[in-house]
Amino acid sequence: MRNGHSARAARDGEPGVRTLTLTAVTRGLFADAFTKMSAADPKRVVGLWLAPGDILVQRSNTPELVGTAAMYGGPNNWAIFPDLMIRLRVDTEVVLPEYVTAVLRSERVHRQLRDKAKGLAGSMPKIDQQAIASIVLKVPSLPCQRELVAKLSEIERVANRLAMDAGTTRRQGQALRKAMLDAAFSGRLTGRGSDMDMVEEIAGV
């Protein structure tokens, strides 16, 4: 395990080192939008460049988010990670990084990490490497790990699709309500069954 490094933001025109933000791990999205250019000394951060399979745990954040974990799957040396994160690298001949990440993201384990967080009132709570090392991890065979990871990925995919569908339905409902009010106040409602067709056309749903 290793803590990251934080430096001030690079000024305009100043060479910078791409550094992850907490949002990248919170959302599990490793994209340029969730990085910043810092003025870190390249010699000091040689060992902090990300590699595929790196697991990142938020060392400090809000009480609800501290301990959040995500796995990096991008190219080598794309970015470094800040002092607010701890990096884990696993022996892939024994355990899959995807499996470890799934365990760390489970509610039970995340709660354990949150419970170990310490901090003064009004400050962001923090965990240390010892808090992560104290997690008891059951390690099934690699084929079993692959099966579990595949099942979890499918569940997450379905959950994301349902969430998107729910969001679409909500937006359509809002658009229909607005169109209905617009039609009513403009005197276009006739009381006939064709009114709803007109409203849907106005709403574009």
N, C-alpha and C. Protein backbone atom coordinates (compact mmCIF):
# COMPACT_ATOMS: atom_id res chain seq x y z
N MET A 1 0.85 -1.20 0.00
CA MET A 1 0.00 0.00 0.00
C MET A 1 0.88 1.25 0.00
N ARG A 2 0.36 2.29 -0.60
CA ARG A 2 1.14 3.52 -0.66
C ARG A 2 0.22 4.73 -0.71
N ASN A 3 0.55 5.75 0.09
CA ASN A 3 -0.17 7.01 0.03
C ASN A 3 0.31 7.80 -1.18
N GLY A 4 -0.57 8.68 -1.69
CA GLY A 4 -0.21 9.50 -2.83
C GLY A 4 0.50 10.77 -2.42
N HIS A 5 0.54 11.71 -3.34
CA HIS A 5 1.22 12.99 -3.10
C HIS A 5 0.38 14.13 -3.67
N SER A 6 0.26 15.19 -2.90
CA SER A 6 -0.49 16.36 -3.34
C SER A 6 0.44 17.56 -3.45
N ALA A 7 0.22 18.35 -4.47
CA ALA A 7 0.99 19.58 -4.68
C ALA A 7 0.02 20.67 -5.14
N ARG A 8 0.49 21.90 -5.12
CA ARG A 8 -0.37 23.00 -5.55
C ARG A 8 -0.73 22.85 -7.02
N ALA A 9 -1.79 23.53 -7.43
CA ALA A 9 -2.21 23.50 -8.84
C ALA A 9 -1.17 24.18 -9.71
N ALA A 10 -0.93 23.63 -10.88
CA ALA A 10 0.02 24.24 -11.81
C ALA A 10 -0.56 25.55 -12.35
N ARG A 11 0.28 26.55 -12.49
CA ARG A 11 -0.16 27.83 -13.03
C ARG A 11 -0.23 27.75 -14.55
N ASP A 12 -0.94 28.70 -15.15
CA ASP A 12 -1.05 28.75 -16.61
C ASP A 12 0.33 28.78 -17.25
N GLY A 13 0.55 27.89 -18.20
CA GLY A 13 1.83 27.84 -18.89
C GLY A 13 2.90 27.06 -18.16
N GLU A 14 2.62 26.62 -16.95
CA GLU A 14 3.59 25.88 -16.16
C GLU A 14 3.43 24.38 -16.42
N PRO A 15 4.53 23.65 -16.63
CA PRO A 15 4.41 22.20 -16.82
C PRO A 15 3.74 21.58 -15.59
N GLY A 16 2.87 20.62 -15.82
CA GLY A 16 2.15 20.03 -14.71
C GLY A 16 2.11 18.52 -14.80
N VAL A 17 1.73 17.91 -13.70
CA VAL A 17 1.58 16.46 -13.61
C VAL A 17 0.10 16.16 -13.41
N ARG A 18 -0.46 15.35 -14.28
CA ARG A 18 -1.89 15.03 -14.16
C ARG A 18 -2.12 14.24 -12.87
N THR A 19 -3.07 14.74 -12.06
CA THR A 19 -3.33 14.15 -10.75
C THR A 19 -4.82 13.90 -10.59
N LEU A 20 -5.17 12.73 -10.10
CA LEU A 20 -6.58 12.39 -9.89
C LEU A 20 -7.22 13.31 -8.86
N THR A 21 -8.53 13.51 -8.99
CA THR A 21 -9.32 14.15 -7.94
C THR A 21 -10.14 13.08 -7.24
N LEU A 22 -10.68 13.40 -6.08
CA LEU A 22 -11.51 12.44 -5.35
C LEU A 22 -12.71 12.00 -6.17
N THR A 23 -13.23 12.90 -7.01
CA THR A 23 -14.41 12.59 -7.80
C THR A 23 -14.19 11.38 -8.70
N ALA A 24 -12.96 11.21 -9.19
CA ALA A 24 -12.67 10.07 -10.07
C ALA A 24 -12.97 8.75 -9.36
N VAL A 25 -12.59 8.66 -8.09
CA VAL A 25 -12.83 7.43 -7.33
C VAL A 25 -14.27 7.36 -6.86
N THR A 26 -14.84 8.49 -6.46
CA THR A 26 -16.24 8.49 -6.03
C THR A 26 -17.13 7.96 -7.15
N ARG A 27 -16.89 8.42 -8.37
CA ARG A 27 -17.72 8.00 -9.51
C ARG A 27 -17.20 6.76 -10.21
N GLY A 28 -15.96 6.38 -9.91
CA GLY A 28 -15.37 5.25 -10.61
C GLY A 28 -15.11 5.55 -12.06
N LEU A 29 -14.87 6.83 -12.37
CA LEU A 29 -14.65 7.28 -13.75
C LEU A 29 -13.28 7.95 -13.84
N PHE A 30 -12.37 7.31 -14.56
CA PHE A 30 -11.03 7.87 -14.70
C PHE A 30 -10.93 8.56 -16.05
N ALA A 31 -11.25 9.85 -16.04
CA ALA A 31 -11.28 10.66 -17.25
C ALA A 31 -10.60 11.99 -16.96
N ASP A 32 -10.17 12.68 -18.04
CA ASP A 32 -9.48 13.96 -17.87
C ASP A 32 -10.28 14.94 -17.02
N ALA A 33 -11.61 14.87 -17.14
CA ALA A 33 -12.47 15.82 -16.42
C ALA A 33 -12.32 15.68 -14.91
N PHE A 34 -11.87 14.52 -14.45
CA PHE A 34 -11.74 14.28 -13.01
C PHE A 34 -10.27 14.23 -12.59
N THR A 35 -9.48 15.07 -13.25
CA THR A 35 -8.08 15.24 -12.88
C THR A 35 -7.77 16.73 -12.84
N LYS A 36 -6.62 17.05 -12.31
CA LYS A 36 -6.13 18.43 -12.35
C LYS A 36 -4.62 18.37 -12.60
N MET A 37 -4.08 19.44 -13.12
CA MET A 37 -2.64 19.51 -13.34
C MET A 37 -1.99 20.13 -12.10
N SER A 38 -1.08 19.40 -11.49
CA SER A 38 -0.42 19.89 -10.29
C SER A 38 1.05 20.18 -10.57
N ALA A 39 1.65 20.96 -9.68
CA ALA A 39 3.06 21.34 -9.84
C ALA A 39 3.97 20.37 -9.10
N ALA A 40 3.59 19.10 -9.03
CA ALA A 40 4.39 18.09 -8.33
C ALA A 40 5.74 17.92 -9.01
N ASP A 41 6.77 17.68 -8.20
CA ASP A 41 8.11 17.42 -8.72
C ASP A 41 8.11 16.03 -9.36
N PRO A 42 8.36 15.93 -10.68
CA PRO A 42 8.33 14.62 -11.35
C PRO A 42 9.22 13.57 -10.67
N LYS A 43 10.36 14.00 -10.11
CA LYS A 43 11.26 13.05 -9.46
C LYS A 43 10.64 12.48 -8.18
N ARG A 44 9.80 13.29 -7.54
CA ARG A 44 9.21 12.85 -6.28
C ARG A 44 8.05 11.88 -6.49
N VAL A 45 7.43 11.90 -7.67
CA VAL A 45 6.23 11.09 -7.89
C VAL A 45 6.48 9.93 -8.86
N VAL A 46 7.74 9.57 -9.06
CA VAL A 46 8.07 8.50 -9.99
C VAL A 46 7.30 7.22 -9.68
N GLY A 47 7.14 6.90 -8.41
CA GLY A 47 6.47 5.66 -8.03
C GLY A 47 4.97 5.78 -7.87
N LEU A 48 4.40 6.92 -8.27
CA LEU A 48 2.97 7.14 -8.05
C LEU A 48 2.14 7.09 -9.34
N TRP A 49 2.77 6.81 -10.47
CA TRP A 49 2.00 6.74 -11.71
C TRP A 49 1.10 5.51 -11.70
N LEU A 50 -0.10 5.69 -12.21
CA LEU A 50 -1.09 4.62 -12.19
C LEU A 50 -0.76 3.53 -13.21
N ALA A 51 -1.16 2.31 -12.86
CA ALA A 51 -1.05 1.17 -13.77
C ALA A 51 -2.37 0.42 -13.74
N PRO A 52 -2.72 -0.27 -14.83
CA PRO A 52 -3.99 -1.02 -14.86
C PRO A 52 -4.05 -2.01 -13.69
N GLY A 53 -5.21 -2.03 -13.03
CA GLY A 53 -5.39 -2.92 -11.89
C GLY A 53 -5.11 -2.27 -10.55
N ASP A 54 -4.60 -1.04 -10.56
CA ASP A 54 -4.40 -0.33 -9.29
C ASP A 54 -5.74 -0.09 -8.61
N ILE A 55 -5.79 -0.34 -7.31
CA ILE A 55 -7.00 -0.07 -6.52
C ILE A 55 -6.75 1.17 -5.69
N LEU A 56 -7.64 2.13 -5.78
CA LEU A 56 -7.49 3.39 -5.06
C LEU A 56 -8.58 3.52 -4.02
N VAL A 57 -8.19 3.84 -2.79
CA VAL A 57 -9.12 4.00 -1.68
C VAL A 57 -9.00 5.43 -1.17
N GLN A 58 -10.14 6.08 -0.98
CA GLN A 58 -10.12 7.46 -0.49
C GLN A 58 -9.72 7.47 0.98
N ARG A 59 -8.57 8.06 1.25
CA ARG A 59 -8.04 8.14 2.61
C ARG A 59 -8.77 9.19 3.43
N SER A 60 -9.29 10.20 2.74
CA SER A 60 -9.99 11.29 3.41
C SER A 60 -11.10 11.80 2.53
N ASN A 61 -12.26 12.02 3.13
CA ASN A 61 -13.41 12.58 2.42
C ASN A 61 -14.49 12.84 3.45
N THR A 62 -15.71 13.05 2.99
CA THR A 62 -16.83 13.24 3.92
C THR A 62 -17.07 11.94 4.68
N PRO A 63 -17.80 11.99 5.81
CA PRO A 63 -18.08 10.76 6.57
C PRO A 63 -18.74 9.67 5.73
N GLU A 64 -19.54 10.06 4.73
CA GLU A 64 -20.24 9.07 3.91
C GLU A 64 -19.33 8.46 2.85
N LEU A 65 -18.33 9.21 2.39
CA LEU A 65 -17.52 8.77 1.25
C LEU A 65 -16.13 8.29 1.60
N VAL A 66 -15.62 8.62 2.79
CA VAL A 66 -14.28 8.16 3.15
C VAL A 66 -14.24 6.63 3.06
N GLY A 67 -13.16 6.11 2.49
CA GLY A 67 -13.04 4.66 2.31
C GLY A 67 -13.57 4.15 1.00
N THR A 68 -14.15 5.03 0.17
CA THR A 68 -14.66 4.60 -1.14
C THR A 68 -13.49 4.09 -1.99
N ALA A 69 -13.73 2.99 -2.71
CA ALA A 69 -12.68 2.38 -3.52
C ALA A 69 -13.10 2.28 -4.98
N ALA A 70 -12.12 2.28 -5.87
CA ALA A 70 -12.36 2.08 -7.30
C ALA A 70 -11.09 1.52 -7.92
N MET A 71 -11.25 0.76 -9.00
CA MET A 71 -10.09 0.18 -9.69
C MET A 71 -9.80 0.94 -10.97
N TYR A 72 -8.54 1.25 -11.17
CA TYR A 72 -8.11 1.93 -12.39
C TYR A 72 -7.85 0.90 -13.49
N GLY A 73 -8.39 1.15 -14.67
CA GLY A 73 -8.20 0.23 -15.77
C GLY A 73 -7.64 0.86 -17.02
N GLY A 74 -7.11 2.07 -16.89
CA GLY A 74 -6.61 2.80 -18.05
C GLY A 74 -5.16 2.48 -18.36
N PRO A 75 -4.53 3.31 -19.20
CA PRO A 75 -3.14 3.06 -19.61
C PRO A 75 -2.14 3.37 -18.51
N ASN A 76 -0.95 2.84 -18.66
CA ASN A 76 0.13 3.13 -17.72
C ASN A 76 0.50 4.61 -17.77
N ASN A 77 0.86 5.14 -16.59
CA ASN A 77 1.44 6.48 -16.49
C ASN A 77 0.53 7.59 -16.99
N TRP A 78 -0.78 7.40 -16.89
CA TRP A 78 -1.72 8.44 -17.32
C TRP A 78 -1.82 9.56 -16.29
N ALA A 79 -1.76 9.20 -15.02
CA ALA A 79 -1.90 10.19 -13.94
C ALA A 79 -1.29 9.62 -12.67
N ILE A 80 -1.08 10.49 -11.70
CA ILE A 80 -0.70 10.05 -10.36
C ILE A 80 -1.91 10.22 -9.45
N PHE A 81 -1.79 9.78 -8.21
CA PHE A 81 -2.90 9.91 -7.26
C PHE A 81 -2.47 10.79 -6.09
N PRO A 82 -3.39 11.55 -5.51
CA PRO A 82 -3.04 12.53 -4.48
C PRO A 82 -2.90 11.90 -3.10
N ASP A 83 -2.47 12.71 -2.16
CA ASP A 83 -2.30 12.27 -0.78
C ASP A 83 -3.61 11.85 -0.13
N LEU A 84 -4.73 12.25 -0.72
CA LEU A 84 -6.04 11.88 -0.17
C LEU A 84 -6.43 10.44 -0.50
N MET A 85 -5.54 9.73 -1.21
CA MET A 85 -5.83 8.34 -1.60
C MET A 85 -4.70 7.41 -1.19
N ILE A 86 -5.06 6.13 -1.03
CA ILE A 86 -4.11 5.06 -0.79
C ILE A 86 -4.22 4.08 -1.96
N ARG A 87 -3.08 3.69 -2.51
CA ARG A 87 -3.09 2.73 -3.63
C ARG A 87 -2.77 1.32 -3.13
N LEU A 88 -3.54 0.37 -3.64
CA LEU A 88 -3.28 -1.04 -3.36
C LEU A 88 -2.91 -1.74 -4.66
N ARG A 89 -1.90 -2.60 -4.61
CA ARG A 89 -1.56 -3.47 -5.73
C ARG A 89 -1.55 -4.90 -5.21
N VAL A 90 -2.22 -5.79 -5.94
CA VAL A 90 -2.39 -7.16 -5.45
C VAL A 90 -1.60 -8.14 -6.30
N ASP A 91 -1.36 -9.31 -5.74
CA ASP A 91 -0.73 -10.41 -6.47
C ASP A 91 -1.80 -11.08 -7.32
N THR A 92 -1.78 -10.82 -8.61
CA THR A 92 -2.85 -11.31 -9.48
C THR A 92 -2.82 -12.82 -9.69
N GLU A 93 -1.77 -13.50 -9.21
CA GLU A 93 -1.76 -14.96 -9.26
C GLU A 93 -2.57 -15.55 -8.13
N VAL A 94 -2.95 -14.69 -7.17
CA VAL A 94 -3.72 -15.15 -6.01
C VAL A 94 -5.12 -14.55 -6.00
N VAL A 95 -5.20 -13.27 -6.32
CA VAL A 95 -6.49 -12.57 -6.21
C VAL A 95 -6.63 -11.55 -7.33
N LEU A 96 -7.84 -11.40 -7.83
CA LEU A 96 -8.12 -10.43 -8.89
C LEU A 96 -8.33 -9.04 -8.29
N PRO A 97 -7.77 -8.00 -8.89
CA PRO A 97 -8.03 -6.65 -8.38
C PRO A 97 -9.51 -6.29 -8.47
N GLU A 98 -10.21 -6.82 -9.48
CA GLU A 98 -11.65 -6.57 -9.59
C GLU A 98 -12.41 -7.15 -8.40
N TYR A 99 -11.96 -8.32 -7.94
CA TYR A 99 -12.60 -8.97 -6.79
C TYR A 99 -12.35 -8.17 -5.51
N VAL A 100 -11.11 -7.76 -5.30
CA VAL A 100 -10.78 -6.97 -4.11
C VAL A 100 -11.57 -5.67 -4.11
N THR A 101 -11.65 -5.03 -5.26
CA THR A 101 -12.41 -3.78 -5.37
C THR A 101 -13.87 -3.99 -5.02
N ALA A 102 -14.45 -5.08 -5.52
CA ALA A 102 -15.86 -5.37 -5.23
C ALA A 102 -16.08 -5.57 -3.74
N VAL A 103 -15.15 -6.25 -3.08
CA VAL A 103 -15.26 -6.46 -1.63
C VAL A 103 -15.16 -5.12 -0.89
N LEU A 104 -14.20 -4.30 -1.29
CA LEU A 104 -14.02 -3.00 -0.63
C LEU A 104 -15.23 -2.09 -0.84
N ARG A 105 -15.91 -2.25 -1.97
CA ARG A 105 -17.07 -1.41 -2.27
C ARG A 105 -18.36 -1.95 -1.65
N SER A 106 -18.31 -3.16 -1.09
CA SER A 106 -19.51 -3.70 -0.45
C SER A 106 -19.88 -2.85 0.75
N GLU A 107 -21.15 -2.80 1.07
CA GLU A 107 -21.61 -1.95 2.18
C GLU A 107 -20.97 -2.37 3.49
N ARG A 108 -20.83 -3.68 3.72
CA ARG A 108 -20.27 -4.16 4.99
C ARG A 108 -18.84 -3.67 5.19
N VAL A 109 -18.01 -3.85 4.18
CA VAL A 109 -16.60 -3.46 4.31
C VAL A 109 -16.46 -1.93 4.30
N HIS A 110 -17.22 -1.26 3.44
CA HIS A 110 -17.14 0.20 3.42
C HIS A 110 -17.55 0.77 4.78
N ARG A 111 -18.55 0.16 5.41
CA ARG A 111 -18.97 0.61 6.74
C ARG A 111 -17.84 0.42 7.75
N GLN A 112 -17.13 -0.70 7.66
CA GLN A 112 -16.00 -0.94 8.56
C GLN A 112 -14.94 0.15 8.42
N LEU A 113 -14.67 0.53 7.18
CA LEU A 113 -13.67 1.58 6.96
C LEU A 113 -14.17 2.92 7.48
N ARG A 114 -15.44 3.22 7.23
CA ARG A 114 -16.00 4.49 7.73
C ARG A 114 -15.94 4.53 9.26
N ASP A 115 -16.20 3.40 9.89
CA ASP A 115 -16.18 3.35 11.36
C ASP A 115 -14.79 3.58 11.93
N LYS A 116 -13.76 3.28 11.13
CA LYS A 116 -12.39 3.46 11.60
C LYS A 116 -11.85 4.86 11.30
N ALA A 117 -12.63 5.66 10.58
CA ALA A 117 -12.17 7.00 10.22
C ALA A 117 -12.09 7.89 11.45
N LYS A 118 -11.07 8.71 11.48
CA LYS A 118 -10.86 9.62 12.60
C LYS A 118 -10.70 11.03 12.07
N GLY A 119 -11.09 11.99 12.90
CA GLY A 119 -10.94 13.38 12.49
C GLY A 119 -11.57 14.31 13.51
N LEU A 120 -11.07 15.53 13.55
CA LEU A 120 -11.62 16.54 14.44
C LEU A 120 -12.97 17.01 13.92
N ALA A 121 -13.82 17.48 14.81
CA ALA A 121 -15.13 17.99 14.41
C ALA A 121 -14.94 19.11 13.39
N GLY A 122 -15.70 19.03 12.31
CA GLY A 122 -15.63 20.04 11.28
C GLY A 122 -14.59 19.76 10.21
N SER A 123 -13.81 18.69 10.38
CA SER A 123 -12.80 18.34 9.37
C SER A 123 -13.20 17.03 8.69
N MET A 124 -12.57 16.76 7.55
CA MET A 124 -12.87 15.51 6.85
C MET A 124 -12.21 14.35 7.60
N PRO A 125 -12.97 13.31 7.92
CA PRO A 125 -12.38 12.16 8.61
C PRO A 125 -11.38 11.44 7.71
N LYS A 126 -10.45 10.73 8.34
CA LYS A 126 -9.39 10.06 7.59
C LYS A 126 -9.23 8.62 8.08
N ILE A 127 -8.81 7.76 7.15
CA ILE A 127 -8.39 6.42 7.51
C ILE A 127 -6.92 6.28 7.14
N ASP A 128 -6.27 5.26 7.69
CA ASP A 128 -4.86 5.03 7.35
C ASP A 128 -4.71 3.63 6.75
N GLN A 129 -3.48 3.29 6.41
CA GLN A 129 -3.23 1.99 5.80
C GLN A 129 -3.60 0.85 6.73
N GLN A 130 -3.43 1.06 8.03
CA GLN A 130 -3.76 0.01 8.99
C GLN A 130 -5.25 -0.32 8.96
N ALA A 131 -6.09 0.68 8.73
CA ALA A 131 -7.53 0.43 8.66
C ALA A 131 -7.85 -0.50 7.50
N ILE A 132 -7.17 -0.31 6.38
CA ILE A 132 -7.39 -1.18 5.22
C ILE A 132 -6.81 -2.57 5.49
N ALA A 133 -5.62 -2.61 6.09
CA ALA A 133 -4.96 -3.89 6.36
C ALA A 133 -5.76 -4.74 7.34
N SER A 134 -6.61 -4.12 8.14
CA SER A 134 -7.38 -4.87 9.14
C SER A 134 -8.58 -5.59 8.54
N ILE A 135 -8.91 -5.31 7.28
CA ILE A 135 -10.06 -5.96 6.63
C ILE A 135 -9.73 -7.43 6.37
N VAL A 136 -10.59 -8.31 6.84
CA VAL A 136 -10.43 -9.75 6.60
C VAL A 136 -11.06 -10.09 5.25
N LEU A 137 -10.25 -10.60 4.35
CA LEU A 137 -10.70 -10.86 2.98
C LEU A 137 -10.67 -12.36 2.70
N LYS A 138 -11.83 -12.92 2.42
CA LYS A 138 -11.90 -14.33 2.02
C LYS A 138 -11.50 -14.42 0.55
N VAL A 139 -10.59 -15.33 0.24
CA VAL A 139 -10.08 -15.43 -1.12
C VAL A 139 -10.44 -16.80 -1.71
N PRO A 140 -11.51 -16.88 -2.49
CA PRO A 140 -11.85 -18.13 -3.17
C PRO A 140 -10.89 -18.37 -4.35
N SER A 141 -11.10 -19.45 -5.06
CA SER A 141 -10.25 -19.75 -6.22
C SER A 141 -10.42 -18.67 -7.28
N LEU A 142 -9.44 -18.54 -8.16
CA LEU A 142 -9.52 -17.54 -9.22
C LEU A 142 -10.74 -17.74 -10.12
N PRO A 143 -11.07 -18.99 -10.52
CA PRO A 143 -12.29 -19.17 -11.33
C PRO A 143 -13.54 -18.69 -10.60
N CYS A 144 -13.60 -18.94 -9.30
CA CYS A 144 -14.75 -18.48 -8.51
C CYS A 144 -14.79 -16.96 -8.44
N GLN A 145 -13.61 -16.35 -8.29
CA GLN A 145 -13.54 -14.89 -8.27
C GLN A 145 -14.04 -14.31 -9.59
N ARG A 146 -13.60 -14.91 -10.69
CA ARG A 146 -14.02 -14.42 -12.01
C ARG A 146 -15.54 -14.52 -12.16
N GLU A 147 -16.11 -15.61 -11.68
CA GLU A 147 -17.56 -15.80 -11.78
C GLU A 147 -18.29 -14.76 -10.95
N LEU A 148 -17.81 -14.52 -9.74
CA LEU A 148 -18.44 -13.53 -8.86
C LEU A 148 -18.35 -12.13 -9.47
N VAL A 149 -17.18 -11.79 -10.00
CA VAL A 149 -16.99 -10.47 -10.61
C VAL A 149 -17.92 -10.30 -11.81
N ALA A 150 -18.06 -11.36 -12.62
CA ALA A 150 -18.94 -11.29 -13.79
C ALA A 150 -20.39 -11.08 -13.37
N LYS A 151 -20.82 -11.79 -12.33
CA LYS A 151 -22.19 -11.64 -11.85
C LYS A 151 -22.44 -10.24 -11.30
N LEU A 152 -21.47 -9.72 -10.55
CA LEU A 152 -21.61 -8.37 -10.00
C LEU A 152 -21.64 -7.33 -11.11
N SER A 153 -20.84 -7.53 -12.15
CA SER A 153 -20.83 -6.59 -13.28
C SER A 153 -22.18 -6.58 -13.98
N GLU A 154 -22.79 -7.76 -14.12
CA GLU A 154 -24.10 -7.83 -14.76
C GLU A 154 -25.16 -7.14 -13.91
N ILE A 155 -25.11 -7.36 -12.59
CA ILE A 155 -26.06 -6.71 -11.69
C ILE A 155 -25.91 -5.19 -11.77
N GLU A 156 -24.66 -4.72 -11.79
CA GLU A 156 -24.42 -3.27 -11.86
C GLU A 156 -24.91 -2.71 -13.19
N ARG A 157 -24.70 -3.48 -14.27
CA ARG A 157 -25.15 -3.02 -15.59
C ARG A 157 -26.67 -2.88 -15.62
N VAL A 158 -27.37 -3.87 -15.06
CA VAL A 158 -28.83 -3.82 -15.03
C VAL A 158 -29.30 -2.67 -14.15
N ALA A 159 -28.64 -2.49 -12.99
CA ALA A 159 -29.03 -1.40 -12.09
C ALA A 159 -28.84 -0.05 -12.75
N ASN A 160 -27.73 0.12 -13.48
CA ASN A 160 -27.49 1.39 -14.17
C ASN A 160 -28.53 1.64 -15.25
N ARG A 161 -28.91 0.56 -15.97
CA ARG A 161 -29.92 0.71 -17.02
C ARG A 161 -31.26 1.10 -16.42
N LEU A 162 -31.62 0.46 -15.30
CA LEU A 162 -32.89 0.80 -14.64
C LEU A 162 -32.88 2.23 -14.15
N ALA A 163 -31.73 2.67 -13.62
CA ALA A 163 -31.63 4.05 -13.15
C ALA A 163 -31.79 5.03 -14.30
N MET A 164 -31.18 4.69 -15.45
CA MET A 164 -31.32 5.55 -16.63
C MET A 164 -32.76 5.57 -17.12
N ASP A 165 -33.41 4.38 -17.11
CA ASP A 165 -34.81 4.31 -17.54
C ASP A 165 -35.70 5.15 -16.62
N ALA A 166 -35.41 5.06 -15.30
CA ALA A 166 -36.21 5.83 -14.34
C ALA A 166 -36.02 7.32 -14.56
N GLY A 167 -34.77 7.71 -14.85
CA GLY A 167 -34.51 9.12 -15.12
C GLY A 167 -35.21 9.60 -16.38
N THR A 168 -35.23 8.74 -17.41
CA THR A 168 -35.92 9.09 -18.66
C THR A 168 -37.41 9.24 -18.42
N THR A 169 -37.98 8.29 -17.66
CA THR A 169 -39.41 8.35 -17.36
C THR A 169 -39.75 9.62 -16.59
N ARG A 170 -38.90 9.97 -15.63
CA ARG A 170 -39.14 11.18 -14.84
C ARG A 170 -39.08 12.42 -15.71
N ARG A 171 -38.09 12.48 -16.60
CA ARG A 171 -37.96 13.64 -17.49
C ARG A 171 -39.14 13.73 -18.45
N GLN A 172 -39.60 12.57 -18.94
CA GLN A 172 -40.76 12.58 -19.84
C GLN A 172 -42.00 13.07 -19.10
N GLY A 173 -42.16 12.63 -17.85
CA GLY A 173 -43.31 13.07 -17.06
C GLY A 173 -43.29 14.58 -16.84
N GLN A 174 -42.09 15.10 -16.56
CA GLN A 174 -41.97 16.54 -16.36
C GLN A 174 -42.28 17.30 -17.65
N ALA A 175 -41.80 16.76 -18.78
CA ALA A 175 -42.06 17.41 -20.07
C ALA A 175 -43.55 17.38 -20.40
N LEU A 176 -44.21 16.25 -20.12
CA LEU A 176 -45.65 16.15 -20.39
C LEU A 176 -46.44 17.13 -19.52
N ARG A 177 -46.06 17.23 -18.26
CA ARG A 177 -46.76 18.15 -17.36
C ARG A 177 -46.62 19.58 -17.85
N LYS A 178 -45.39 19.95 -18.26
CA LYS A 178 -45.16 21.30 -18.77
C LYS A 178 -45.97 21.54 -20.05
N ALA A 179 -45.98 20.54 -20.95
CA ALA A 179 -46.72 20.68 -22.20
C ALA A 179 -48.21 20.80 -21.95
N MET A 180 -48.72 20.02 -20.97
CA MET A 180 -50.14 20.08 -20.64
C MET A 180 -50.52 21.47 -20.14
N LEU A 181 -49.67 22.03 -19.26
CA LEU A 181 -49.94 23.36 -18.74
C LEU A 181 -49.87 24.41 -19.85
N ASP A 182 -48.85 24.25 -20.74
CA ASP A 182 -48.73 25.20 -21.85
C ASP A 182 -49.97 25.15 -22.73
N ALA A 183 -50.43 23.93 -23.03
CA ALA A 183 -51.61 23.77 -23.89
C ALA A 183 -52.85 24.34 -23.22
N ALA A 184 -52.97 24.11 -21.92
CA ALA A 184 -54.15 24.59 -21.20
C ALA A 184 -54.20 26.12 -21.17
N PHE A 185 -53.04 26.72 -20.86
CA PHE A 185 -53.03 28.17 -20.74
C PHE A 185 -53.08 28.88 -22.09
N SER A 186 -52.77 28.15 -23.17
CA SER A 186 -52.84 28.76 -24.49
C SER A 186 -54.17 28.49 -25.18
N GLY A 187 -55.08 27.79 -24.49
CA GLY A 187 -56.40 27.52 -25.03
C GLY A 187 -56.45 26.45 -26.09
N ARG A 188 -55.41 25.57 -26.15
CA ARG A 188 -55.38 24.55 -27.19
C ARG A 188 -56.05 23.24 -26.78
N LEU A 189 -56.44 23.09 -25.51
CA LEU A 189 -57.14 21.87 -25.09
C LEU A 189 -58.61 21.96 -25.51
N THR A 190 -59.10 20.89 -26.15
CA THR A 190 -60.47 20.89 -26.68
C THR A 190 -61.40 19.98 -25.91
N GLY A 191 -60.83 19.15 -25.02
CA GLY A 191 -61.67 18.19 -24.30
C GLY A 191 -61.85 16.90 -25.07
N ARG A 192 -61.25 16.77 -26.25
CA ARG A 192 -61.35 15.55 -27.04
C ARG A 192 -60.17 14.63 -26.74
N GLY A 193 -60.33 13.37 -27.15
CA GLY A 193 -59.27 12.38 -26.90
C GLY A 193 -57.98 12.71 -27.61
N SER A 194 -58.05 13.52 -28.65
CA SER A 194 -56.83 13.88 -29.39
C SER A 194 -55.96 14.88 -28.64
N ASP A 195 -56.46 15.41 -27.52
CA ASP A 195 -55.67 16.38 -26.75
C ASP A 195 -54.34 15.78 -26.32
N MET A 196 -54.37 14.51 -25.87
CA MET A 196 -53.14 13.89 -25.35
C MET A 196 -52.11 13.72 -26.45
N ASP A 197 -52.57 13.40 -27.67
CA ASP A 197 -51.63 13.30 -28.80
C ASP A 197 -50.94 14.63 -29.04
N MET A 198 -51.71 15.71 -28.95
CA MET A 198 -51.15 17.04 -29.16
C MET A 198 -50.14 17.37 -28.06
N VAL A 199 -50.49 17.04 -26.81
CA VAL A 199 -49.60 17.33 -25.69
C VAL A 199 -48.29 16.57 -25.84
N GLU A 200 -48.37 15.28 -26.23
CA GLU A 200 -47.16 14.48 -26.41
C GLU A 200 -46.29 15.04 -27.53
N GLU A 201 -46.92 15.56 -28.57
CA GLU A 201 -46.16 16.16 -29.67
C GLU A 201 -45.45 17.41 -29.20
N ILE A 202 -46.14 18.22 -28.39
CA ILE A 202 -45.52 19.43 -27.84
C ILE A 202 -44.34 19.07 -26.95
N ALA A 203 -44.54 18.01 -26.14
CA ALA A 203 -43.50 17.60 -25.19
C ALA A 203 -42.35 16.89 -25.88
N GLY A 204 -42.61 16.36 -27.07
CA GLY A 204 -41.56 15.65 -27.80
C GLY A 204 -41.26 14.29 -27.22
N VAL A 205 -42.28 13.61 -26.65
CA VAL A 205 -42.08 12.28 -26.07
C VAL A 205 -42.85 11.25 -26.87
